[in-house]
Amino acid sequence: MKILFSMRHSGALRNFGSTVEELARRGHQIHLVFMMRDKLADDRLLESLTGAFPNVTHGMAEVSKRPWLGLARATRSTVDYLRYRTPDYRDAAALHERAAARVSSRVQALSRLPVVRTPGGLRFVTRALHAVERAIPPDPALVRLMTDQRPDLVLVTPLIELGSDQVEYIKAAQAAGVPCGLCVHSWDNLTNKGLIHVVPDAVFVWNEAQRKEAADLHAVPAESVVVTGAPTYDQWFTRRPSTTRDEFCRKVGLPAERPFVLYLCSSKFISPREAEFIVRWIRALRASGDARVRDAGVLVRPHPRGDMRGLDGPELRSLRDVVVWPAGGANPVDTDSRNDYFDSLYHSVATVGINTSAQIESGIVGRPVFSIRAPEYVTTQEGTLHFRYLLSEHGGLLHMAANLDEHARALATVFDRTAEDEQRLREFVRGFVRPQGLDVPATPLLANAIEALARSTARVPQHRSLGARVLRFALYPLAARMKAERPAVRKRPGSPDGQSRQEGPVGALR
């Protein structure tokens, strides 16, 4: 097969590198098209894949100059923003603020009108915007790409970024009659980003919870959702430690004669100014009435996209038996960095974090996972729908405490673990990460599902209805004006470095 795989940036290979490798091993030709540069500027996974497999190629998307681009982005961003005005997101202030940054003040004012705030009014406005989306034609350059290169399949990830331009790949594939699928990127994507504006032929999800999200939140037909498990975590099931516990403790600078707790930092969006919280957390441990907790070492692992302020400051350095490692964070994409990450999890007695996918990896390795209801992070913990899965799904993963004192007492339980505790971890991992069975890797299942989609009955090119074509004609002057007012290259909202973001949808197969 010839597969065109649209990714936001090469960092998506952290989650789908194993899938691309599996497809390449099966002899398929995969062309990766990136919408922007990886924010971590780390192309090691991409270089490894393309170096090992000549049938894996890549290219950057070009900036589109078509007149509909501005209207398409504004329409999608508005629909994405309105999702956070629904009752499901009543407590999701941080998500609402992030979506609000992508729309104009006039759109925000419109959403506050009494008639729009009613369920019926919100549905009416959303349906009207869906009609605008259907009227906007697919990018003609991408339609020509489909015709000229004739890929057997188009895949996209993550697709659900706020106001995403990746929708153009789905629309172009449908216009050309090419099967298309969405590979859900991570555990939070269907709940805390944007919506699926144009439904592809298949949506590949991790588990039954995501299957329900796809149907209930994105109106994806049940028959189009395929549960495969989470391929990004396959690598941790069979990995073994590269060091003994004593060797690891000497390597990072912790006392080997005592157990240590691993603190897993979260992204900057989830936990800004996290170092301040970590200091309070460690002081709560040092005040514990249980000597095992009070005297435990602490290893703090920075998030590669986290808030690093204060992690190398005097307050943390003054605390005994506390190490921040690796300094500045690390992106575990090669053998050495993966070994370091796995060894950190494996040799710890327990892990603690605010809200991070590393908590799921801790469960896979078999380590108890703890968290605290921190007042400053209330909107990015239980204010996000996906975090609640860690509390309740398949018996729950997290030991959640209401405050630091309660947490310090709960942490003492890790020294007296029972068989029931071990079983609880396994049940969560099986249900959430590997629903087909703990010994069944997800990567081959996803590759099988992708091949099955490509072999499905040939699609007939889709054509817009007469009503959509009439609306398109009426909207063209607005689209042309927006194109004249808005450049195709823009800065990412909230980007501290002002990095440009090129979001044109065109990407040639090479």
Protein backbone atom coordinates (compact mmCIF):
# COMPACT_ATOMS: atom_id res chain seq x y z
CA MET A 1 0.00 0.00 0.00
CA LYS A 2 0.88 3.63 -0.37
CA ILE A 3 -0.11 5.44 2.84
CA LEU A 4 -0.12 9.19 3.32
CA PHE A 5 0.10 9.92 7.06
CA SER A 6 -0.51 13.53 8.12
CA MET A 7 1.00 14.39 11.51
CA ARG A 8 1.04 17.73 13.27
CA HIS A 9 4.80 17.39 13.77
CA SER A 10 7.42 14.67 13.99
CA GLY A 11 6.87 14.43 17.74
CA ALA A 12 3.79 12.34 16.91
CA LEU A 13 6.21 9.49 16.21
CA ARG A 14 6.64 9.16 19.97
CA ASN A 15 3.16 7.65 19.87
CA PHE A 16 3.07 6.12 16.39
CA GLY A 17 6.67 5.27 15.60
CA SER A 18 6.03 1.59 16.35
CA THR A 19 2.99 1.62 14.03
CA VAL A 20 4.91 3.22 11.16
CA GLU A 21 7.72 0.71 11.70
CA GLU A 22 5.30 -2.23 11.69
CA LEU A 23 3.67 -1.04 8.46
CA ALA A 24 7.09 -0.48 6.88
CA ARG A 25 8.20 -4.00 7.87
CA ARG A 26 5.13 -5.32 6.09
CA GLY A 27 6.34 -3.67 2.89
CA HIS A 28 4.03 -0.66 2.70
CA GLN A 29 5.17 2.75 1.51
CA ILE A 30 4.50 5.44 4.12
CA HIS A 31 4.88 9.15 3.46
CA LEU A 32 4.73 11.37 6.54
CA VAL A 33 3.56 14.95 6.10
CA PHE A 34 4.22 17.33 8.99
CA MET A 35 2.24 20.53 9.54
CA MET A 36 4.93 22.22 11.64
CA ARG A 37 8.30 21.61 13.31
CA ASP A 38 8.46 19.59 16.50
CA LYS A 39 8.41 21.96 19.47
CA LEU A 40 11.17 19.95 21.12
CA ALA A 41 13.25 20.15 17.90
CA ASP A 42 13.96 16.44 18.33
CA ASP A 43 14.00 14.41 15.11
CA ARG A 44 15.82 11.34 16.42
CA LEU A 45 12.83 9.04 15.95
CA LEU A 46 12.22 10.34 12.43
CA GLU A 47 15.88 9.90 11.51
CA SER A 48 15.90 6.38 12.95
CA LEU A 49 12.81 5.34 10.97
CA THR A 50 13.86 6.82 7.65
CA GLY A 51 17.39 5.47 8.09
CA ALA A 52 16.15 1.93 8.69
CA PHE A 53 13.32 1.89 6.14
CA PRO A 54 13.73 3.42 2.67
CA ASN A 55 9.96 3.01 2.21
CA VAL A 56 9.33 5.65 4.92
CA THR A 57 9.64 9.18 3.53
CA HIS A 58 8.61 12.57 4.84
CA GLY A 59 8.00 16.19 3.93
CA MET A 60 6.68 19.46 5.35
CA ALA A 61 3.25 20.80 4.49
CA GLU A 62 3.33 23.90 2.35
CA VAL A 63 1.47 27.05 3.30
CA SER A 64 -1.88 27.17 1.57
CA LYS A 65 -2.80 30.35 -0.26
CA ARG A 66 -6.41 29.44 -1.02
CA PRO A 67 -9.07 32.01 -0.07
CA TRP A 68 -11.06 29.63 2.17
CA LEU A 69 -8.33 29.05 4.74
CA GLY A 70 -9.21 31.87 7.13
CA LEU A 71 -12.92 31.09 7.14
CA ALA A 72 -12.23 27.39 7.66
CA ARG A 73 -10.01 28.07 10.66
CA ALA A 74 -12.45 30.56 12.17
CA THR A 75 -15.38 28.18 11.73
CA ARG A 76 -13.58 25.24 13.33
CA SER A 77 -12.15 27.32 16.17
CA THR A 78 -15.63 28.66 16.96
CA VAL A 79 -17.19 25.19 17.04
CA ASP A 80 -14.33 23.99 19.24
CA TYR A 81 -14.84 26.94 21.58
CA LEU A 82 -18.57 26.35 21.86
CA ARG A 83 -18.01 22.75 23.04
CA TYR A 84 -16.56 24.24 26.21
CA ARG A 85 -19.82 26.13 26.84
CA THR A 86 -21.68 22.84 27.35
CA PRO A 87 -22.52 21.36 30.77
CA ASP A 88 -19.89 18.61 30.39
CA TYR A 89 -17.19 21.29 30.68
CA ARG A 90 -18.72 23.39 33.45
CA ASP A 91 -15.63 22.93 35.64
CA ALA A 92 -13.03 23.01 32.85
CA ALA A 93 -11.94 26.64 33.20
CA ALA A 94 -8.43 26.04 31.86
CA LEU A 95 -9.73 24.27 28.75
CA HIS A 96 -12.29 27.03 28.19
CA GLU A 97 -9.60 29.72 28.42
CA ARG A 98 -7.36 27.86 25.97
CA ALA A 99 -10.18 27.57 23.42
CA ALA A 100 -11.19 31.20 23.97
CA ALA A 101 -7.70 32.32 22.93
CA ARG A 102 -8.44 31.01 19.42
CA VAL A 103 -11.60 33.05 18.77
CA SER A 104 -12.41 36.74 18.57
CA SER A 105 -13.97 38.79 21.35
CA ARG A 106 -17.11 39.05 19.20
CA VAL A 107 -17.47 35.26 19.15
CA GLN A 108 -17.00 35.14 22.91
CA ALA A 109 -19.64 37.85 23.36
CA LEU A 110 -22.04 35.95 21.07
CA SER A 111 -21.61 32.79 23.15
CA ARG A 112 -22.72 34.69 26.25
CA LEU A 113 -26.08 35.75 24.78
CA PRO A 114 -28.96 34.15 26.70
CA VAL A 115 -30.40 32.50 23.59
CA VAL A 116 -27.06 30.92 22.70
CA ARG A 117 -26.46 29.69 26.24
CA THR A 118 -29.55 27.48 26.11
CA PRO A 119 -29.04 23.89 24.91
CA GLY A 120 -31.30 24.51 21.92
CA GLY A 121 -29.58 27.76 20.97
CA LEU A 122 -26.14 26.20 21.25
CA ARG A 123 -27.21 23.27 19.05
CA PHE A 124 -28.64 25.67 16.46
CA VAL A 125 -25.43 27.73 16.22
CA THR A 126 -23.27 24.61 16.10
CA ARG A 127 -25.37 23.07 13.33
CA ALA A 128 -25.15 26.30 11.34
CA LEU A 129 -21.36 26.23 11.64
CA HIS A 130 -21.33 22.57 10.57
CA ALA A 131 -23.24 23.66 7.47
CA VAL A 132 -20.54 26.25 6.78
CA GLU A 133 -17.88 23.53 7.14
CA ARG A 134 -19.70 21.34 4.61
CA ALA A 135 -19.91 24.27 2.21
CA ILE A 136 -16.17 25.02 2.32
CA PRO A 137 -14.55 23.11 -0.55
CA PRO A 138 -11.57 20.81 0.04
CA ASP A 139 -8.17 22.26 -0.76
CA PRO A 140 -7.80 21.79 -4.54
CA ALA A 141 -4.06 21.23 -4.17
CA LEU A 142 -4.73 18.29 -1.89
CA VAL A 143 -7.40 16.92 -4.19
CA ARG A 144 -4.85 17.03 -7.02
CA LEU A 145 -2.35 15.30 -4.72
CA MET A 146 -4.82 12.46 -4.17
CA THR A 147 -5.48 12.19 -7.89
CA ASP A 148 -1.84 12.36 -8.97
CA GLN A 149 -0.26 10.16 -6.30
CA ARG A 150 -3.21 7.81 -5.74
CA PRO A 151 -2.51 6.82 -2.12
CA ASP A 152 -4.40 3.75 -1.03
CA LEU A 153 -5.08 5.27 2.36
CA VAL A 154 -4.87 8.59 4.20
CA LEU A 155 -4.22 8.67 7.96
CA VAL A 156 -4.20 11.70 10.25
CA THR A 157 -3.19 12.42 13.85
CA PRO A 158 -4.16 14.18 16.02
CA LEU A 159 -6.81 16.00 13.86
CA ILE A 160 -8.47 17.49 16.95
CA GLU A 161 -6.16 20.46 17.58
CA LEU A 162 -8.24 23.63 18.02
CA GLY A 163 -9.15 24.93 14.56
CA SER A 164 -7.12 22.14 12.95
CA ASP A 165 -6.07 22.40 9.30
CA GLN A 166 -5.73 18.61 9.15
CA VAL A 167 -9.45 18.48 8.38
CA GLU A 168 -8.38 19.30 4.81
CA TYR A 169 -6.76 15.88 4.44
CA ILE A 170 -10.02 14.15 5.38
CA LYS A 171 -12.07 16.34 3.02
CA ALA A 172 -9.63 15.85 0.13
CA ALA A 173 -9.52 12.08 0.66
CA GLN A 174 -13.31 11.90 0.67
CA ALA A 175 -13.51 14.04 -2.45
CA ALA A 176 -11.10 11.66 -4.19
CA GLY A 177 -12.71 8.48 -2.85
CA VAL A 178 -9.65 7.48 -0.82
CA PRO A 179 -10.29 5.69 2.53
CA CYS A 180 -9.20 7.79 5.48
CA GLY A 181 -8.71 7.15 9.20
CA LEU A 182 -7.92 8.99 12.41
CA CYS A 183 -5.34 7.49 14.77
CA VAL A 184 -6.24 8.91 18.18
CA HIS A 185 -2.99 10.27 19.53
CA SER A 186 -3.34 10.04 23.29
CA TRP A 187 -5.63 9.34 26.23
CA ASP A 188 -6.91 12.92 26.50
CA ASN A 189 -7.36 13.87 22.85
CA LEU A 190 -11.06 13.20 22.41
CA THR A 191 -12.04 15.13 25.54
CA ASN A 192 -9.81 18.17 25.96
CA LYS A 193 -8.97 19.48 22.48
CA GLY A 194 -11.19 20.28 19.50
CA LEU A 195 -13.91 18.31 17.77
CA ILE A 196 -13.80 15.97 14.79
CA HIS A 197 -15.31 18.37 12.24
CA VAL A 198 -15.42 15.92 9.34
CA VAL A 199 -15.81 12.27 10.30
CA PRO A 200 -13.30 9.90 8.59
CA ASP A 201 -14.08 6.34 7.56
CA ALA A 202 -12.46 4.89 10.69
CA VAL A 203 -11.36 6.16 14.10
CA PHE A 204 -8.76 3.98 15.83
CA VAL A 205 -9.01 4.27 19.64
CA TRP A 206 -7.35 2.76 22.69
CA ASN A 207 -10.25 1.38 24.70
CA GLU A 208 -13.99 1.28 25.32
CA ALA A 209 -13.92 4.65 27.11
CA GLN A 210 -12.56 6.29 23.96
CA ARG A 211 -15.06 4.40 21.83
CA LYS A 212 -17.81 6.04 23.89
CA GLU A 213 -16.13 9.45 23.63
CA ALA A 214 -15.95 9.17 19.84
CA ALA A 215 -19.68 8.40 19.65
CA ASP A 216 -21.01 10.74 22.35
CA LEU A 217 -18.71 13.75 21.94
CA HIS A 218 -17.86 13.58 18.22
CA ALA A 219 -20.88 11.84 16.64
CA VAL A 220 -18.73 9.11 15.07
CA PRO A 221 -20.89 6.12 14.03
CA ALA A 222 -20.25 3.08 16.22
CA GLU A 223 -19.32 0.92 13.24
CA SER A 224 -16.51 3.36 12.36
CA VAL A 225 -14.71 3.07 15.71
CA VAL A 226 -12.03 0.37 16.08
CA VAL A 227 -10.54 -0.48 19.49
CA THR A 228 -6.88 -1.54 19.20
CA GLY A 229 -5.24 -0.66 22.51
CA ALA A 230 -2.49 1.95 22.94
CA PRO A 231 0.50 1.25 20.66
CA THR A 232 2.60 3.97 22.27
CA TYR A 233 2.90 1.88 25.46
CA ASP A 234 3.89 -1.44 23.89
CA GLN A 235 7.57 -0.65 24.45
CA TRP A 236 7.20 -0.67 28.26
CA PHE A 237 5.58 -4.11 28.64
CA THR A 238 8.64 -6.13 27.69
CA ARG A 239 11.41 -3.75 28.73
CA ARG A 240 13.75 -4.76 31.54
CA PRO A 241 15.92 -2.52 33.76
CA SER A 242 19.36 -1.66 32.42
CA THR A 243 20.82 -1.17 35.94
CA THR A 244 20.50 -2.69 39.37
CA ARG A 245 18.83 -0.53 41.98
CA ASP A 246 22.16 0.26 43.67
CA GLU A 247 23.73 1.20 40.33
CA PHE A 248 20.81 3.46 39.48
CA CYS A 249 20.86 5.23 42.85
CA ARG A 250 24.60 5.88 42.51
CA LYS A 251 24.03 7.16 38.98
CA VAL A 252 21.46 9.78 40.00
CA GLY A 253 22.91 10.56 43.44
CA LEU A 254 20.34 9.06 45.83
CA PRO A 255 21.15 6.93 48.90
CA ALA A 256 20.90 3.29 47.86
CA GLU A 257 20.07 2.02 51.36
CA ARG A 258 16.62 3.65 51.38
CA PRO A 259 13.65 3.49 48.95
CA PHE A 260 12.83 6.51 46.81
CA VAL A 261 9.61 8.04 45.52
CA LEU A 262 9.54 9.28 41.92
CA TYR A 263 7.78 12.58 41.26
CA LEU A 264 6.67 12.86 37.62
CA CYS A 265 6.29 16.45 36.48
CA SER A 266 3.44 17.43 34.15
CA SER A 267 3.30 19.73 31.12
CA LYS A 268 3.33 23.49 31.60
CA PHE A 269 -0.35 23.75 30.66
CA ILE A 270 -1.32 21.25 33.37
CA SER A 271 0.92 22.46 36.20
CA PRO A 272 2.56 25.88 35.87
CA ARG A 273 5.04 26.81 38.62
CA GLU A 274 5.23 23.15 39.61
CA ALA A 275 8.49 23.54 41.55
CA GLU A 276 6.64 25.52 44.22
CA PHE A 277 4.19 22.67 44.68
CA ILE A 278 6.98 20.07 44.73
CA VAL A 279 8.69 21.89 47.61
CA ARG A 280 5.46 21.85 49.65
CA TRP A 281 4.97 18.17 48.77
CA ILE A 282 8.45 17.15 49.92
CA ARG A 283 8.06 19.08 53.17
CA ALA A 284 4.81 17.19 53.82
CA LEU A 285 6.69 13.91 53.33
CA ARG A 286 9.47 15.02 55.68
CA ALA A 287 6.86 15.82 58.35
CA SER A 288 5.23 12.37 58.08
CA GLY A 289 4.74 10.33 61.22
CA ASP A 290 5.87 7.23 59.34
CA ALA A 291 9.67 6.97 59.22
CA ARG A 292 9.54 5.04 55.95
CA VAL A 293 7.88 8.01 54.23
CA ARG A 294 9.83 10.64 56.16
CA ASP A 295 13.21 9.19 55.24
CA ALA A 296 12.50 8.12 51.66
CA GLY A 297 14.58 9.59 48.88
CA VAL A 298 12.88 11.73 46.25
CA LEU A 299 13.67 11.72 42.54
CA VAL A 300 12.02 14.53 40.58
CA ARG A 301 11.77 13.92 36.82
CA PRO A 302 11.11 17.12 34.84
CA HIS A 303 8.63 17.04 31.96
CA PRO A 304 10.35 17.88 28.65
CA ARG A 305 7.59 20.46 27.99
CA GLY A 306 7.05 21.44 31.60
CA ASP A 307 7.61 24.59 33.62
CA MET A 308 11.27 24.35 34.57
CA ARG A 309 11.30 27.48 36.76
CA GLY A 310 12.61 26.71 40.22
CA LEU A 311 13.58 23.09 39.56
CA ASP A 312 17.23 24.08 39.90
CA GLY A 313 16.53 26.67 42.60
CA PRO A 314 17.88 26.90 46.14
CA GLU A 315 14.67 25.70 47.84
CA LEU A 316 14.76 22.30 46.16
CA ARG A 317 18.53 22.02 46.49
CA SER A 318 18.30 22.64 50.23
CA LEU A 319 16.07 19.61 50.82
CA ARG A 320 17.85 16.42 51.84
CA ASP A 321 17.94 13.32 49.67
CA VAL A 322 16.21 15.09 46.77
CA VAL A 323 17.52 14.87 43.21
CA VAL A 324 16.14 16.53 40.06
CA TRP A 325 17.13 14.25 37.18
CA PRO A 326 17.73 14.51 34.32
CA ALA A 327 18.27 18.24 34.64
CA GLY A 328 16.14 20.08 32.11
CA GLY A 329 14.04 16.99 31.36
CA ALA A 330 14.56 14.40 28.66
CA ASN A 331 12.57 13.09 25.74
CA PRO A 332 12.78 9.26 25.95
CA VAL A 333 13.07 8.38 22.26
CA ASP A 334 16.38 6.52 22.01
CA THR A 335 17.76 3.48 23.83
CA ASP A 336 19.71 5.33 26.52
CA SER A 337 16.98 7.84 27.39
CA ARG A 338 14.33 5.12 27.42
CA ASN A 339 16.48 3.01 29.72
CA ASP A 340 16.90 5.97 32.08
CA TYR A 341 13.16 6.62 32.12
CA PHE A 342 12.22 2.97 32.61
CA ASP A 343 14.82 2.50 35.35
CA SER A 344 13.43 5.56 37.16
CA LEU A 345 9.99 3.97 37.22
CA TYR A 346 11.15 0.43 37.91
CA HIS A 347 13.44 1.17 40.85
CA SER A 348 11.04 3.59 42.57
CA VAL A 349 8.73 2.40 45.34
CA ALA A 350 5.88 4.59 44.05
CA THR A 351 5.24 7.51 41.71
CA VAL A 352 3.46 10.82 42.29
CA GLY A 353 2.17 13.38 39.78
CA ILE A 354 -0.50 15.96 39.03
CA ASN A 355 -1.86 14.83 35.65
CA THR A 356 0.46 13.16 33.15
CA SER A 357 0.50 10.14 30.86
CA ALA A 358 3.60 8.99 32.76
CA GLN A 359 1.18 7.90 35.47
CA ILE A 360 -0.19 5.30 33.05
CA GLU A 361 3.34 4.13 32.27
CA SER A 362 3.94 3.78 36.02
CA GLY A 363 0.98 1.42 36.21
CA ILE A 364 2.32 -0.63 33.32
CA VAL A 365 5.64 -1.04 35.13
CA GLY A 366 3.70 -2.08 38.23
CA ARG A 367 4.30 0.91 40.49
CA PRO A 368 1.56 2.39 42.69
CA VAL A 369 0.49 5.83 41.47
CA PHE A 370 -0.49 8.71 43.76
CA SER A 371 -1.82 12.22 43.29
CA ILE A 372 -3.12 15.13 45.38
CA ARG A 373 -6.07 17.45 44.83
CA ALA A 374 -4.00 20.61 44.63
CA PRO A 375 -6.08 23.83 44.75
CA GLU A 376 -3.93 25.54 42.10
CA TYR A 377 -4.45 22.66 39.67
CA VAL A 378 -8.12 21.92 40.24
CA THR A 379 -9.10 22.90 36.68
CA THR A 380 -6.42 20.72 35.08
CA GLN A 381 -7.08 17.67 37.24
CA GLU A 382 -10.73 16.80 37.75
CA GLY A 383 -11.63 19.82 35.62
CA THR A 384 -10.55 17.68 32.66
CA LEU A 385 -12.68 14.72 31.64
CA HIS A 386 -9.76 12.40 30.85
CA PHE A 387 -8.24 12.70 34.34
CA ARG A 388 -11.35 11.14 35.82
CA TYR A 389 -10.55 7.89 34.05
CA LEU A 390 -7.49 7.50 36.25
CA LEU A 391 -9.80 7.65 39.27
CA SER A 392 -12.58 5.31 38.22
CA GLU A 393 -11.97 3.40 34.98
CA HIS A 394 -11.51 -0.36 35.54
CA GLY A 395 -11.18 0.14 39.28
CA GLY A 396 -9.01 3.24 38.93
CA LEU A 397 -5.26 3.77 38.77
CA LEU A 398 -4.70 6.67 41.17
CA HIS A 399 -4.59 6.79 44.95
CA MET A 400 -6.05 10.30 45.22
CA ALA A 401 -5.68 12.36 48.40
CA ALA A 402 -7.63 15.48 49.37
CA ASN A 403 -4.55 17.25 50.75
CA LEU A 404 -0.84 16.78 51.40
CA ASP A 405 -1.25 15.43 54.94
CA GLU A 406 -3.66 12.75 53.75
CA HIS A 407 -1.34 11.97 50.86
CA ALA A 408 1.66 11.48 53.17
CA ARG A 409 -0.35 8.99 55.22
CA ALA A 410 -1.56 7.16 52.10
CA LEU A 411 1.97 6.91 50.72
CA ALA A 412 2.92 4.69 53.64
CA THR A 413 0.73 1.94 52.19
CA VAL A 414 3.26 1.28 49.41
CA PHE A 415 5.50 -0.44 51.97
CA ASP A 416 2.74 -2.96 52.77
CA ARG A 417 1.39 -3.80 49.32
CA THR A 418 -1.00 -6.70 48.93
CA ALA A 419 -1.93 -9.04 46.10
CA GLU A 420 -5.17 -7.07 45.74
CA ASP A 421 -3.15 -3.89 45.10
CA GLU A 422 -1.21 -5.65 42.34
CA GLN A 423 -4.41 -6.95 40.79
CA ARG A 424 -5.96 -3.49 40.77
CA LEU A 425 -3.06 -2.14 38.75
CA ARG A 426 -3.25 -5.01 36.27
CA GLU A 427 -6.99 -4.55 35.79
CA PHE A 428 -6.62 -0.87 34.98
CA VAL A 429 -3.77 -1.50 32.53
CA ARG A 430 -5.65 -4.32 30.84
CA GLY A 431 -8.86 -2.32 30.42
CA PHE A 432 -7.36 1.06 29.54
CA VAL A 433 -4.17 0.19 27.63
CA ARG A 434 -4.54 -3.38 26.33
CA PRO A 435 -8.25 -4.29 26.21
CA GLN A 436 -7.54 -7.31 24.00
CA GLY A 437 -5.36 -8.82 26.73
CA LEU A 438 -2.26 -7.90 28.73
CA ASP A 439 -0.12 -10.13 26.51
CA VAL A 440 -1.54 -8.75 23.24
CA PRO A 441 0.49 -5.80 21.85
CA ALA A 442 -1.54 -2.99 20.34
CA THR A 443 0.84 -2.09 17.49
CA PRO A 444 0.12 -5.16 15.28
CA LEU A 445 -3.61 -4.77 15.97
CA LEU A 446 -3.56 -1.17 14.78
CA ALA A 447 -1.52 -2.14 11.70
CA ASN A 448 -4.05 -4.88 10.94
CA ALA A 449 -6.93 -2.42 11.27
CA ILE A 450 -5.19 0.07 8.97
CA GLU A 451 -4.68 -2.63 6.34
CA ALA A 452 -8.31 -3.68 6.67
CA LEU A 453 -9.46 -0.10 6.08
CA ALA A 454 -7.35 0.14 2.93
CA ARG A 455 -8.79 -3.15 1.67
CA SER A 456 -12.37 -2.03 2.29
CA THR A 457 -14.72 -1.52 -0.63
CA ALA A 458 -13.56 1.32 -2.86
CA ARG A 459 -15.20 4.58 -1.93
CA VAL A 460 -17.06 6.72 -4.45
CA PRO A 461 -15.84 10.33 -4.51
CA GLN A 462 -18.11 12.52 -2.42
CA HIS A 463 -19.79 15.56 -3.93
CA ARG A 464 -21.37 18.40 -2.03
CA SER A 465 -25.13 18.83 -2.08
CA LEU A 466 -26.82 21.63 -4.02
CA GLY A 467 -27.51 23.45 -0.75
CA ALA A 468 -23.84 23.29 0.23
CA ARG A 469 -22.79 24.63 -3.17
CA VAL A 470 -25.26 27.54 -2.92
CA LEU A 471 -24.00 28.37 0.58
CA ARG A 472 -20.43 28.18 -0.71
CA PHE A 473 -21.23 30.78 -3.36
CA ALA A 474 -22.76 33.06 -0.73
CA LEU A 475 -19.79 32.67 1.61
CA TYR A 476 -17.06 33.30 -0.94
CA PRO A 477 -16.92 37.13 -0.49
CA LEU A 478 -16.49 36.65 3.28
CA ALA A 479 -13.78 34.04 2.73
CA ALA A 480 -11.92 36.33 0.30
CA ARG A 481 -12.03 39.21 2.76
CA MET A 482 -10.76 37.05 5.62
CA LYS A 483 -7.96 35.79 3.40
CA ALA A 484 -6.88 39.36 2.68
CA GLU A 485 -6.89 40.24 6.39
CA ARG A 486 -5.23 37.13 7.84
CA PRO A 487 -1.79 35.70 6.95
CA ALA A 488 -1.27 31.98 6.37
CA VAL A 489 1.61 31.90 8.85
CA ARG A 490 0.66 32.63 12.44
CA LYS A 491 2.10 32.25 15.91
CA ARG A 492 0.86 29.52 18.19
CA PRO A 493 -1.32 30.98 20.93
CA GLY A 494 0.56 31.03 24.21
CA SER A 495 3.91 30.28 22.56
CA PRO A 496 6.54 32.05 24.69
CA ASP A 497 9.11 31.98 21.93
CA GLY A 498 6.73 33.25 19.26
CA GLN A 499 7.58 30.30 17.03
CA SER A 500 5.83 30.52 13.67
CA ARG A 501 3.36 27.85 12.77
CA GLN A 502 2.90 26.89 9.14
CA GLU A 503 -0.43 25.18 8.76
CA GLY A 504 -1.02 24.86 5.08
CA PRO A 505 -2.35 21.43 4.18
CA VAL A 506 -0.36 20.59 1.07
CA GLY A 507 2.25 17.83 1.31
CA ALA A 508 3.67 16.05 -1.74
CA LEU A 509 4.53 12.36 -1.76
CA ARG A 510 8.21 11.91 -2.43
